[in-house]
């Protein structure tokens, strides 16, 4: 039985893992992939100590730190959690298993759980989106923008994610258009100034995407503007960047808010004693890499105190 199981390996999870390793705890990390959403970020300018780097480089720094403790913990990458089950209270304190974390492949027993699963991409929900995913439709400009060198692309969204995608895609595409349902782009002023100053990036405001067109590959996009008139325009790529939603579908054991974020207190405790949560999957106000690292560290310290002072 593990002392703790960390579900997720983004900035919050990796930060917590360092604390657990230093405490010589027996713990397991379960994750789809190491790095979380951070690995898809193109330019990071607000993480203390690193003036400018991309998400992949920052994740390399995180994992290099954790590598100092290699062999002291278990990690299963590519293994998604499906549920968390709590042992009946009659067995607690009598050597019984407190939590069973169930994945697609196996189940694991633990005295405590830390949920740090972050977020996942939100889907647009228009005809052609699913059909052409991987065939011109993408949710990751950082991953796929080089594939669209010399091509015309559209970015769907109106916030930081969309602006970041457009700035990165412009390095490869000949023409980049941003479609947003808002009257104007909203987000980081630095990114917004880059968008405004770039003649190869165009913004279609008060515009709604209605469909993605193609045969074997994307060949166009449909949208309606403020005038309500339907337009179709040729393109070869569509980057969907309409925000993120918490990856918490497996965590029905704990209280969540209306946005499916896990509700935590100031000590990162959930509604279930022994289960803690941190980072973007929680109802913490702001979603930033620096905040996730801090929240993961704080949650780890609170979980350690829990194990030291409780009956488990």
Foldseek 3Di string as FASTA:
>chain_A
DFAEEEEAAALLSLLLLLVCLVVLGEYEYEYQDHHAPLLLFQWDCPDPPDRIDGSVVVSVVSVVSSCVSPPSYYYDYNWHWQAKDADPPVCPLVPDFGIWTHTPVGIDTHQFYEYEHAWDADDQPAAPQVVADVQFEEQGLSVCLQVQAAWEEEEEAAEDQSLSSQVSNVVGYQAYEYEYLAQHHDYDPVSVVVQVPDPRYHYQYNKDWHYFDDDSHTFWTWIAHPVRDIDIDTTGHYHYHHDIAAPCNRYPVFDADPRQAFEADPQQDTPDPRYGYFANSHVDPDHDSNRSNVRSNSNSVSNVVSSVPDSD
